[in-house]
Amino acid sequence: MNTETLYLIIVYAFVFIFGICIGSFLNVCIYRLPLGESLIKSNSHCMTCGTPIRKRDLIPVVSWCLLRGKCHACGARISPRYTVVELLNGICYLIIFLHFDVVSHPLYASIVALMTSALIVVFFMDWDTQLINTWVVIFIGALSIPKYIFCRQECNYTLTKMIVGALVISIPLLVISLASHEKAMGMGDVYLMAAAGLFLGTPNVVIAMLIALITGSVCGLIIKHSNGSSVFAFGPYLAIGIAVAALYGDQIADFYVKFTGLDETLSEAAMVIAKVL
């Protein structure tokens, strides 16, 4: 094993460990934000007996396994979802840094990773409460600022794409929300897609919406078949679509253009316009 390979293994191991540590904080956000509780002032405690959690029991993933999923004080079961969130965030960080190359594009990968963490909060919070926290949405939109300042050249990111991206999906969703009095679409979904569109730009925000519609429709049918209810949170599927589009949106768009033959049509149109000009 050469030095470069060893270096990359260490870096990616650190990325994963850092990701599960951030995932531990995401669990705090998912639980406390809907309750309006402080994210930093109060200590973590058992949800059954209220006993403060010991520092040695706060190690992401490891502590849950060592405790066998039970509180050290009362023996109450600790939901495995806490560990799932930690692992999910760690795996997402690993995929993101591998995809964008931790050596070539570390800053852009970090920005996308932070956005993905926010989407994990959106996913689980909306799943539990059918509410999307406004501050989390603002955080996603705010990440477009460092993306534009530092990474616009490497990801072909322009002000036009930002503005159009923020409006192209959110405005139709706003019309649906107002027309249905938020029964068909909540305002949280509108704000989320406005922030996501600002971050993704066009056409990636459109791809994100298409992915959300497909996954939401399939899962909605499954939910309706299982419990007979047609009411479900759409935010989790928007989060999935946004995350996939952030990583693979350009590849999906290129594949669609080539698969439908639009690349040739667009090339011919460009040549005609060039001759006219």
C-alpha atoms as a PDB file:
ATOM      1  CA  MET A   1       0.000   0.000   0.000  1.00  0.00           C
ATOM      2  CA  ASN A   2       1.551   3.303  -1.086  1.00  0.00           C
ATOM      3  CA  THR A   3       1.484   6.548   0.893  1.00  0.00           C
ATOM      4  CA  GLU A   4      -1.198   8.197  -1.255  1.00  0.00           C
ATOM      5  CA  THR A   5      -3.622   5.301  -0.804  1.00  0.00           C
ATOM      6  CA  LEU A   6      -3.041   5.253   2.949  1.00  0.00           C
ATOM      7  CA  TYR A   7      -3.624   8.993   3.077  1.00  0.00           C
ATOM      8  CA  LEU A   8      -6.963   8.687   1.244  1.00  0.00           C
ATOM      9  CA  ILE A   9      -8.096   5.843   3.523  1.00  0.00           C
ATOM     10  CA  ILE A  10      -7.356   7.961   6.579  1.00  0.00           C
ATOM     11  CA  VAL A  11      -9.118  10.992   5.087  1.00  0.00           C
ATOM     12  CA  TYR A  12     -12.248   9.057   4.147  1.00  0.00           C
ATOM     13  CA  ALA A  13     -12.286   7.314   7.537  1.00  0.00           C
ATOM     14  CA  PHE A  14     -12.187  10.757   9.153  1.00  0.00           C
ATOM     15  CA  VAL A  15     -14.999  11.937   6.858  1.00  0.00           C
ATOM     16  CA  PHE A  16     -17.189   9.016   7.947  1.00  0.00           C
ATOM     17  CA  ILE A  17     -16.439   9.492  11.659  1.00  0.00           C
ATOM     18  CA  PHE A  18     -17.084  13.221  11.387  1.00  0.00           C
ATOM     19  CA  GLY A  19     -20.332  12.449   9.552  1.00  0.00           C
ATOM     20  CA  ILE A  20     -21.698  10.177  12.287  1.00  0.00           C
ATOM     21  CA  CYS A  21     -20.731  12.776  14.909  1.00  0.00           C
ATOM     22  CA  ILE A  22     -22.740  15.397  13.012  1.00  0.00           C
ATOM     23  CA  GLY A  23     -25.486  12.780  12.754  1.00  0.00           C
ATOM     24  CA  SER A  24     -25.634  12.667  16.552  1.00  0.00           C
ATOM     25  CA  PHE A  25     -26.349  16.413  16.551  1.00  0.00           C
ATOM     26  CA  LEU A  26     -28.991  15.904  13.863  1.00  0.00           C
ATOM     27  CA  ASN A  27     -30.863  13.629  16.269  1.00  0.00           C
ATOM     28  CA  VAL A  28     -30.982  16.510  18.728  1.00  0.00           C
ATOM     29  CA  CYS A  29     -32.355  18.799  16.006  1.00  0.00           C
ATOM     30  CA  ILE A  30     -34.979  16.273  14.893  1.00  0.00           C
ATOM     31  CA  TYR A  31     -36.303  15.840  18.431  1.00  0.00           C
ATOM     32  CA  ARG A  32     -35.973  19.347  19.882  1.00  0.00           C
ATOM     33  CA  LEU A  33     -36.821  21.695  17.008  1.00  0.00           C
ATOM     34  CA  PRO A  34     -40.513  20.675  16.829  1.00  0.00           C
ATOM     35  CA  LEU A  35     -40.744  21.198  20.608  1.00  0.00           C
ATOM     36  CA  GLY A  36     -39.085  24.593  20.481  1.00  0.00           C
ATOM     37  CA  GLU A  37     -36.314  23.448  22.826  1.00  0.00           C
ATOM     38  CA  SER A  38     -32.738  24.749  22.828  1.00  0.00           C
ATOM     39  CA  LEU A  39     -30.257  22.723  20.811  1.00  0.00           C
ATOM     40  CA  ILE A  40     -27.307  23.476  23.091  1.00  0.00           C
ATOM     41  CA  LYS A  41     -28.447  24.483  26.588  1.00  0.00           C
ATOM     42  CA  SER A  42     -30.115  21.342  27.932  1.00  0.00           C
ATOM     43  CA  ASN A  43     -28.318  17.998  28.289  1.00  0.00           C
ATOM     44  CA  SER A  44     -29.411  14.808  26.561  1.00  0.00           C
ATOM     45  CA  HIS A  45     -31.461  12.512  28.768  1.00  0.00           C
ATOM     46  CA  CYS A  46     -33.408   9.262  28.726  1.00  0.00           C
ATOM     47  CA  MET A  47     -36.849   9.800  27.210  1.00  0.00           C
ATOM     48  CA  THR A  48     -38.374   7.364  29.731  1.00  0.00           C
ATOM     49  CA  CYS A  49     -36.798   8.094  33.135  1.00  0.00           C
ATOM     50  CA  GLY A  50     -35.227  11.492  32.458  1.00  0.00           C
ATOM     51  CA  THR A  51     -31.757  10.409  33.678  1.00  0.00           C
ATOM     52  CA  PRO A  52     -28.982  12.466  32.020  1.00  0.00           C
ATOM     53  CA  ILE A  53     -26.991  10.439  29.529  1.00  0.00           C
ATOM     54  CA  ARG A  54     -23.405   9.816  30.612  1.00  0.00           C
ATOM     55  CA  LYS A  55     -20.617  11.246  28.421  1.00  0.00           C
ATOM     56  CA  ARG A  56     -19.291   7.763  27.657  1.00  0.00           C
ATOM     57  CA  ASP A  57     -22.747   6.841  26.365  1.00  0.00           C
ATOM     58  CA  LEU A  58     -22.743   9.656  23.813  1.00  0.00           C
ATOM     59  CA  ILE A  59     -20.296   8.061  21.370  1.00  0.00           C
ATOM     60  CA  PRO A  60     -22.172   7.849  18.040  1.00  0.00           C
ATOM     61  CA  VAL A  61     -23.195   4.316  16.997  1.00  0.00           C
ATOM     62  CA  VAL A  62     -20.731   2.663  19.418  1.00  0.00           C
ATOM     63  CA  SER A  63     -22.568   3.582  22.638  1.00  0.00           C
ATOM     64  CA  TRP A  64     -25.903   2.301  21.362  1.00  0.00           C
ATOM     65  CA  CYS A  65     -24.289  -1.031  20.470  1.00  0.00           C
ATOM     66  CA  LEU A  66     -22.481  -1.322  23.820  1.00  0.00           C
ATOM     67  CA  LEU A  67     -25.684  -0.517  25.717  1.00  0.00           C
ATOM     68  CA  ARG A  68     -27.553  -3.019  23.501  1.00  0.00           C
ATOM     69  CA  GLY A  69     -30.114  -0.346  22.736  1.00  0.00           C
ATOM     70  CA  LYS A  70     -31.168   0.193  26.359  1.00  0.00           C
ATOM     71  CA  CYS A  71     -30.908   3.031  28.905  1.00  0.00           C
ATOM     72  CA  HIS A  72     -28.128   2.414  31.439  1.00  0.00           C
ATOM     73  CA  ALA A  73     -30.348   3.658  34.290  1.00  0.00           C
ATOM     74  CA  CYS A  74     -33.816   2.202  33.730  1.00  0.00           C
ATOM     75  CA  GLY A  75     -33.237  -0.353  30.976  1.00  0.00           C
ATOM     76  CA  ALA A  76     -35.835   1.240  28.694  1.00  0.00           C
ATOM     77  CA  ARG A  77     -35.424   0.566  24.984  1.00  0.00           C
ATOM     78  CA  ILE A  78     -33.579   3.243  23.007  1.00  0.00           C
ATOM     79  CA  SER A  79     -34.906   3.600  19.478  1.00  0.00           C
ATOM     80  CA  PRO A  80     -32.457   2.302  16.858  1.00  0.00           C
ATOM     81  CA  ARG A  81     -33.401   5.291  14.712  1.00  0.00           C
ATOM     82  CA  TYR A  82     -30.834   7.411  16.534  1.00  0.00           C
ATOM     83  CA  THR A  83     -28.111   5.110  15.256  1.00  0.00           C
ATOM     84  CA  VAL A  84     -29.742   4.957  11.814  1.00  0.00           C
ATOM     85  CA  VAL A  85     -29.578   8.758  11.532  1.00  0.00           C
ATOM     86  CA  GLU A  86     -25.926   8.781  12.616  1.00  0.00           C
ATOM     87  CA  LEU A  87     -24.964   6.046  10.159  1.00  0.00           C
ATOM     88  CA  LEU A  88     -27.023   7.610   7.371  1.00  0.00           C
ATOM     89  CA  ASN A  89     -25.256  10.938   7.761  1.00  0.00           C
ATOM     90  CA  GLY A  90     -21.851   9.249   7.894  1.00  0.00           C
ATOM     91  CA  ILE A  91     -22.578   7.214   4.767  1.00  0.00           C
ATOM     92  CA  CYS A  92     -23.910  10.301   2.955  1.00  0.00           C
ATOM     93  CA  TYR A  93     -20.745  12.230   3.805  1.00  0.00           C
ATOM     94  CA  LEU A  94     -18.626   9.365   2.526  1.00  0.00           C
ATOM     95  CA  ILE A  95     -20.584   9.135  -0.745  1.00  0.00           C
ATOM     96  CA  ILE A  96     -20.451  12.913  -1.259  1.00  0.00           C
ATOM     97  CA  PHE A  97     -16.706  13.236  -0.688  1.00  0.00           C
ATOM     98  CA  LEU A  98     -16.032  10.211  -2.886  1.00  0.00           C
ATOM     99  CA  HIS A  99     -18.269  11.590  -5.640  1.00  0.00           C
ATOM    100  CA  PHE A 100     -16.801  15.097  -5.709  1.00  0.00           C
ATOM    101  CA  ASP A 101     -13.267  13.940  -4.786  1.00  0.00           C
ATOM    102  CA  VAL A 102     -12.042  15.107  -1.399  1.00  0.00           C
ATOM    103  CA  VAL A 103      -8.719  16.186  -2.942  1.00  0.00           C
ATOM    104  CA  SER A 104     -10.032  18.142  -5.952  1.00  0.00           C
ATOM    105  CA  HIS A 105     -13.209  19.729  -4.558  1.00  0.00           C
ATOM    106  CA  PRO A 106     -13.147  19.592  -0.736  1.00  0.00           C
ATOM    107  CA  LEU A 107     -15.026  22.876  -0.187  1.00  0.00           C
ATOM    108  CA  TYR A 108     -17.852  22.095  -2.583  1.00  0.00           C
ATOM    109  CA  ALA A 109     -18.171  18.583  -1.126  1.00  0.00           C
ATOM    110  CA  SER A 110     -18.372  20.108   2.365  1.00  0.00           C
ATOM    111  CA  ILE A 111     -21.147  22.504   1.318  1.00  0.00           C
ATOM    112  CA  VAL A 112     -23.174  19.674  -0.266  1.00  0.00           C
ATOM    113  CA  ALA A 113     -22.583  17.530   2.834  1.00  0.00           C
ATOM    114  CA  LEU A 114     -23.972  20.243   5.114  1.00  0.00           C
ATOM    115  CA  MET A 115     -27.004  20.623   2.849  1.00  0.00           C
ATOM    116  CA  THR A 116     -27.562  16.863   2.975  1.00  0.00           C
ATOM    117  CA  SER A 117     -27.446  16.923   6.781  1.00  0.00           C
ATOM    118  CA  ALA A 118     -30.163  19.573   6.751  1.00  0.00           C
ATOM    119  CA  LEU A 119     -32.216  17.377   4.411  1.00  0.00           C
ATOM    120  CA  ILE A 120     -31.934  14.469   6.863  1.00  0.00           C
ATOM    121  CA  VAL A 121     -33.441  16.729   9.528  1.00  0.00           C
ATOM    122  CA  VAL A 122     -36.218  17.697   7.097  1.00  0.00           C
ATOM    123  CA  PHE A 123     -36.870  14.045   6.235  1.00  0.00           C
ATOM    124  CA  PHE A 124     -37.323  12.732   9.769  1.00  0.00           C
ATOM    125  CA  MET A 125     -38.942  15.829  11.261  1.00  0.00           C
ATOM    126  CA  ASP A 126     -41.562  16.038   8.529  1.00  0.00           C
ATOM    127  CA  TRP A 127     -42.100  12.284   8.741  1.00  0.00           C
ATOM    128  CA  ASP A 128     -42.848  12.595  12.462  1.00  0.00           C
ATOM    129  CA  THR A 129     -44.739  15.885  12.617  1.00  0.00           C
ATOM    130  CA  GLN A 130     -45.649  16.841   9.017  1.00  0.00           C
ATOM    131  CA  LEU A 131     -43.865  20.131   9.701  1.00  0.00           C
ATOM    132  CA  ILE A 132     -40.709  21.573   8.116  1.00  0.00           C
ATOM    133  CA  ASN A 133     -38.687  23.878  10.323  1.00  0.00           C
ATOM    134  CA  THR A 134     -38.166  27.326   8.803  1.00  0.00           C
ATOM    135  CA  TRP A 135     -34.639  27.721  10.179  1.00  0.00           C
ATOM    136  CA  VAL A 136     -33.525  24.490   8.530  1.00  0.00           C
ATOM    137  CA  VAL A 137     -34.916  25.739   5.209  1.00  0.00           C
ATOM    138  CA  ILE A 138     -33.131  29.086   5.655  1.00  0.00           C
ATOM    139  CA  PHE A 139     -29.905  27.184   6.332  1.00  0.00           C
ATOM    140  CA  ILE A 140     -30.282  25.268   3.039  1.00  0.00           C
ATOM    141  CA  GLY A 141     -30.905  28.481   1.113  1.00  0.00           C
ATOM    142  CA  ALA A 142     -27.998  30.241   2.856  1.00  0.00           C
ATOM    143  CA  LEU A 143     -25.579  27.559   1.666  1.00  0.00           C
ATOM    144  CA  SER A 144     -26.075  28.906  -1.859  1.00  0.00           C
ATOM    145  CA  ILE A 145     -24.019  31.964  -0.836  1.00  0.00           C
ATOM    146  CA  PRO A 146     -20.690  30.159  -0.215  1.00  0.00           C
ATOM    147  CA  LYS A 147     -21.472  27.899  -3.177  1.00  0.00           C
ATOM    148  CA  TYR A 148     -21.764  30.942  -5.449  1.00  0.00           C
ATOM    149  CA  ILE A 149     -18.785  32.803  -3.976  1.00  0.00           C
ATOM    150  CA  PHE A 150     -16.298  29.934  -3.900  1.00  0.00           C
ATOM    151  CA  CYS A 151     -17.570  27.181  -6.219  1.00  0.00           C
ATOM    152  CA  ARG A 152     -19.537  28.765  -9.052  1.00  0.00           C
ATOM    153  CA  GLN A 153     -16.925  28.026 -11.712  1.00  0.00           C
ATOM    154  CA  GLU A 154     -16.427  24.359 -10.880  1.00  0.00           C
ATOM    155  CA  CYS A 155     -20.175  23.623 -10.864  1.00  0.00           C
ATOM    156  CA  ASN A 156     -21.311  26.104 -13.569  1.00  0.00           C
ATOM    157  CA  TYR A 157     -23.399  28.034 -11.059  1.00  0.00           C
ATOM    158  CA  THR A 158     -24.770  31.451 -12.072  1.00  0.00           C
ATOM    159  CA  LEU A 159     -27.074  34.070 -10.577  1.00  0.00           C
ATOM    160  CA  THR A 160     -29.598  33.355 -13.326  1.00  0.00           C
ATOM    161  CA  LYS A 161     -29.672  29.665 -12.434  1.00  0.00           C
ATOM    162  CA  MET A 162     -30.089  30.571  -8.761  1.00  0.00           C
ATOM    163  CA  ILE A 163     -33.007  32.947  -9.300  1.00  0.00           C
ATOM    164  CA  VAL A 164     -34.807  30.783 -11.869  1.00  0.00           C
ATOM    165  CA  GLY A 165     -34.178  27.699  -9.743  1.00  0.00           C
ATOM    166  CA  ALA A 166     -35.714  29.366  -6.696  1.00  0.00           C
ATOM    167  CA  LEU A 167     -38.892  30.233  -8.620  1.00  0.00           C
ATOM    168  CA  VAL A 168     -39.478  27.535 -11.237  1.00  0.00           C
ATOM    169  CA  ILE A 169     -40.826  24.919  -8.803  1.00  0.00           C
ATOM    170  CA  SER A 170     -41.792  26.961  -5.753  1.00  0.00           C
ATOM    171  CA  ILE A 171     -44.258  29.206  -7.611  1.00  0.00           C
ATOM    172  CA  PRO A 172     -46.385  26.328  -9.009  1.00  0.00           C
ATOM    173  CA  LEU A 173     -46.291  24.698  -5.551  1.00  0.00           C
ATOM    174  CA  LEU A 174     -47.378  28.016  -4.005  1.00  0.00           C
ATOM    175  CA  VAL A 175     -50.359  28.184  -6.365  1.00  0.00           C
ATOM    176  CA  ILE A 176     -51.330  24.601  -5.465  1.00  0.00           C
ATOM    177  CA  SER A 177     -50.929  25.346  -1.756  1.00  0.00           C
ATOM    178  CA  LEU A 178     -53.064  28.494  -1.851  1.00  0.00           C
ATOM    179  CA  ALA A 179     -55.712  26.946  -4.109  1.00  0.00           C
ATOM    180  CA  SER A 180     -56.095  23.919  -1.821  1.00  0.00           C
ATOM    181  CA  HIS A 181     -55.756  25.890   1.424  1.00  0.00           C
ATOM    182  CA  GLU A 182     -52.582  23.881   2.162  1.00  0.00           C
ATOM    183  CA  LYS A 183     -54.415  20.556   1.939  1.00  0.00           C
ATOM    184  CA  ALA A 184     -52.630  19.344  -1.198  1.00  0.00           C
ATOM    185  CA  MET A 185     -49.308  21.040  -0.485  1.00  0.00           C
ATOM    186  CA  GLY A 186     -48.032  22.720   2.668  1.00  0.00           C
ATOM    187  CA  MET A 187     -46.187  26.013   2.730  1.00  0.00           C
ATOM    188  CA  GLY A 188     -43.192  24.238   4.244  1.00  0.00           C
ATOM    189  CA  ASP A 189     -42.809  22.308   0.983  1.00  0.00           C
ATOM    190  CA  VAL A 190     -42.988  25.581  -0.964  1.00  0.00           C
ATOM    191  CA  TYR A 191     -40.261  27.200   1.138  1.00  0.00           C
ATOM    192  CA  LEU A 192     -38.120  24.075   0.948  1.00  0.00           C
ATOM    193  CA  MET A 193     -38.198  23.975  -2.847  1.00  0.00           C
ATOM    194  CA  ALA A 194     -37.489  27.709  -3.055  1.00  0.00           C
ATOM    195  CA  ALA A 195     -34.387  27.235  -0.899  1.00  0.00           C
ATOM    196  CA  ALA A 196     -33.401  24.052  -2.737  1.00  0.00           C
ATOM    197  CA  GLY A 197     -33.875  25.763  -6.103  1.00  0.00           C
ATOM    198  CA  LEU A 198     -31.621  28.579  -4.951  1.00  0.00           C
ATOM    199  CA  PHE A 199     -28.969  26.025  -4.039  1.00  0.00           C
ATOM    200  CA  LEU A 200     -29.390  23.616  -6.962  1.00  0.00           C
ATOM    201  CA  GLY A 201     -30.251  26.048  -9.734  1.00  0.00           C
ATOM    202  CA  THR A 202     -31.827  24.881 -12.963  1.00  0.00           C
ATOM    203  CA  PRO A 203     -32.317  22.252 -14.303  1.00  0.00           C
ATOM    204  CA  ASN A 204     -31.342  20.286 -11.175  1.00  0.00           C
ATOM    205  CA  VAL A 205     -34.253  21.567  -9.089  1.00  0.00           C
ATOM    206  CA  VAL A 206     -36.639  20.256 -11.771  1.00  0.00           C
ATOM    207  CA  ILE A 207     -34.920  16.865 -11.576  1.00  0.00           C
ATOM    208  CA  ALA A 208     -35.264  16.983  -7.788  1.00  0.00           C
ATOM    209  CA  MET A 209     -39.003  17.578  -8.107  1.00  0.00           C
ATOM    210  CA  LEU A 210     -39.443  14.751 -10.616  1.00  0.00           C
ATOM    211  CA  ILE A 211     -37.618  12.326  -8.312  1.00  0.00           C
ATOM    212  CA  ALA A 212     -39.780  13.491  -5.396  1.00  0.00           C
ATOM    213  CA  LEU A 213     -42.975  12.969  -7.400  1.00  0.00           C
ATOM    214  CA  ILE A 214     -41.953   9.467  -8.453  1.00  0.00           C
ATOM    215  CA  THR A 215     -40.810   8.305  -5.007  1.00  0.00           C
ATOM    216  CA  GLY A 216     -43.717  10.063  -3.291  1.00  0.00           C
ATOM    217  CA  SER A 217     -46.279   8.480  -5.618  1.00  0.00           C
ATOM    218  CA  VAL A 218     -44.882   4.976  -5.151  1.00  0.00           C
ATOM    219  CA  CYS A 219     -44.582   5.271  -1.372  1.00  0.00           C
ATOM    220  CA  GLY A 220     -47.966   6.998  -1.161  1.00  0.00           C
ATOM    221  CA  LEU A 221     -49.616   4.039  -2.876  1.00  0.00           C
ATOM    222  CA  ILE A 222     -47.857   1.664  -0.487  1.00  0.00           C
ATOM    223  CA  ILE A 223     -48.977   3.713   2.541  1.00  0.00           C
ATOM    224  CA  LYS A 224     -52.556   3.861   1.283  1.00  0.00           C
ATOM    225  CA  HIS A 225     -52.578   0.112   0.665  1.00  0.00           C
ATOM    226  CA  SER A 226     -51.222  -0.609   4.144  1.00  0.00           C
ATOM    227  CA  ASN A 227     -53.398   1.681   6.274  1.00  0.00           C
ATOM    228  CA  GLY A 228     -55.983   3.114   3.876  1.00  0.00           C
ATOM    229  CA  SER A 229     -54.832   6.707   4.420  1.00  0.00           C
ATOM    230  CA  SER A 230     -53.925   8.995   1.538  1.00  0.00           C
ATOM    231  CA  VAL A 231     -52.449  11.644   3.850  1.00  0.00           C
ATOM    232  CA  PHE A 232     -48.663  11.590   4.162  1.00  0.00           C
ATOM    233  CA  ALA A 233     -45.779  14.029   4.461  1.00  0.00           C
ATOM    234  CA  PHE A 234     -44.269  15.033   1.124  1.00  0.00           C
ATOM    235  CA  GLY A 235     -41.155  16.643   2.626  1.00  0.00           C
ATOM    236  CA  PRO A 236     -39.220  13.370   2.973  1.00  0.00           C
ATOM    237  CA  TYR A 237     -39.553  12.689  -0.751  1.00  0.00           C
ATOM    238  CA  LEU A 238     -38.567  16.250  -1.612  1.00  0.00           C
ATOM    239  CA  ALA A 239     -35.490  15.742   0.580  1.00  0.00           C
ATOM    240  CA  ILE A 240     -34.606  12.559  -1.323  1.00  0.00           C
ATOM    241  CA  GLY A 241     -35.049  14.301  -4.668  1.00  0.00           C
ATOM    242  CA  ILE A 242     -32.929  17.290  -3.632  1.00  0.00           C
ATOM    243  CA  ALA A 243     -30.121  15.082  -2.310  1.00  0.00           C
ATOM    244  CA  VAL A 244     -30.016  12.934  -5.456  1.00  0.00           C
ATOM    245  CA  ALA A 245     -30.129  15.988  -7.731  1.00  0.00           C
ATOM    246  CA  ALA A 246     -27.304  17.655  -5.786  1.00  0.00           C
ATOM    247  CA  LEU A 247     -25.071  14.655  -6.473  1.00  0.00           C
ATOM    248  CA  TYR A 248     -26.239  13.289  -9.807  1.00  0.00           C
ATOM    249  CA  GLY A 249     -28.443  15.989 -11.330  1.00  0.00           C
ATOM    250  CA  ASP A 250     -26.021  16.870 -14.113  1.00  0.00           C
ATOM    251  CA  GLN A 251     -25.536  13.210 -15.068  1.00  0.00           C
ATOM    252  CA  ILE A 252     -29.288  12.588 -15.055  1.00  0.00           C
ATOM    253  CA  ALA A 253     -29.889  15.646 -17.243  1.00  0.00           C
ATOM    254  CA  ASP A 254     -27.163  14.590 -19.704  1.00  0.00           C
ATOM    255  CA  PHE A 255     -28.552  11.062 -19.899  1.00  0.00           C
ATOM    256  CA  TYR A 256     -32.086  12.353 -20.537  1.00  0.00           C
ATOM    257  CA  VAL A 257     -30.919  14.711 -23.277  1.00  0.00           C
ATOM    258  CA  LYS A 258     -28.942  11.964 -25.044  1.00  0.00           C
ATOM    259  CA  PHE A 259     -31.632   9.320 -24.532  1.00  0.00           C
ATOM    260  CA  THR A 260     -34.351  11.518 -26.058  1.00  0.00           C
ATOM    261  CA  GLY A 261     -32.119  12.816 -28.840  1.00  0.00           C
ATOM    262  CA  LEU A 262     -32.422  16.392 -27.604  1.00  0.00           C
ATOM    263  CA  ASP A 263     -28.650  16.836 -27.766  1.00  0.00           C
ATOM    264  CA  GLU A 264     -28.742  16.726 -31.557  1.00  0.00           C
ATOM    265  CA  THR A 265     -31.768  19.024 -31.695  1.00  0.00           C
ATOM    266  CA  LEU A 266     -30.115  21.531 -29.358  1.00  0.00           C
ATOM    267  CA  SER A 267     -26.870  21.389 -31.355  1.00  0.00           C
ATOM    268  CA  GLU A 268     -28.716  22.073 -34.619  1.00  0.00           C
ATOM    269  CA  ALA A 269     -30.644  24.925 -33.004  1.00  0.00           C
ATOM    270  CA  ALA A 270     -27.408  26.428 -31.705  1.00  0.00           C
ATOM    271  CA  MET A 271     -25.858  26.257 -35.180  1.00  0.00           C
ATOM    272  CA  VAL A 272     -28.892  27.980 -36.744  1.00  0.00           C
ATOM    273  CA  ILE A 273     -28.806  30.735 -34.136  1.00  0.00           C
ATOM    274  CA  ALA A 274     -25.060  31.165 -34.654  1.00  0.00           C
ATOM    275  CA  LYS A 275     -25.547  31.570 -38.421  1.00  0.00           C
ATOM    276  CA  VAL A 276     -28.347  34.106 -37.925  1.00  0.00           C
ATOM    277  CA  LEU A 277     -26.258  36.137 -35.527  1.00  0.00           C
END
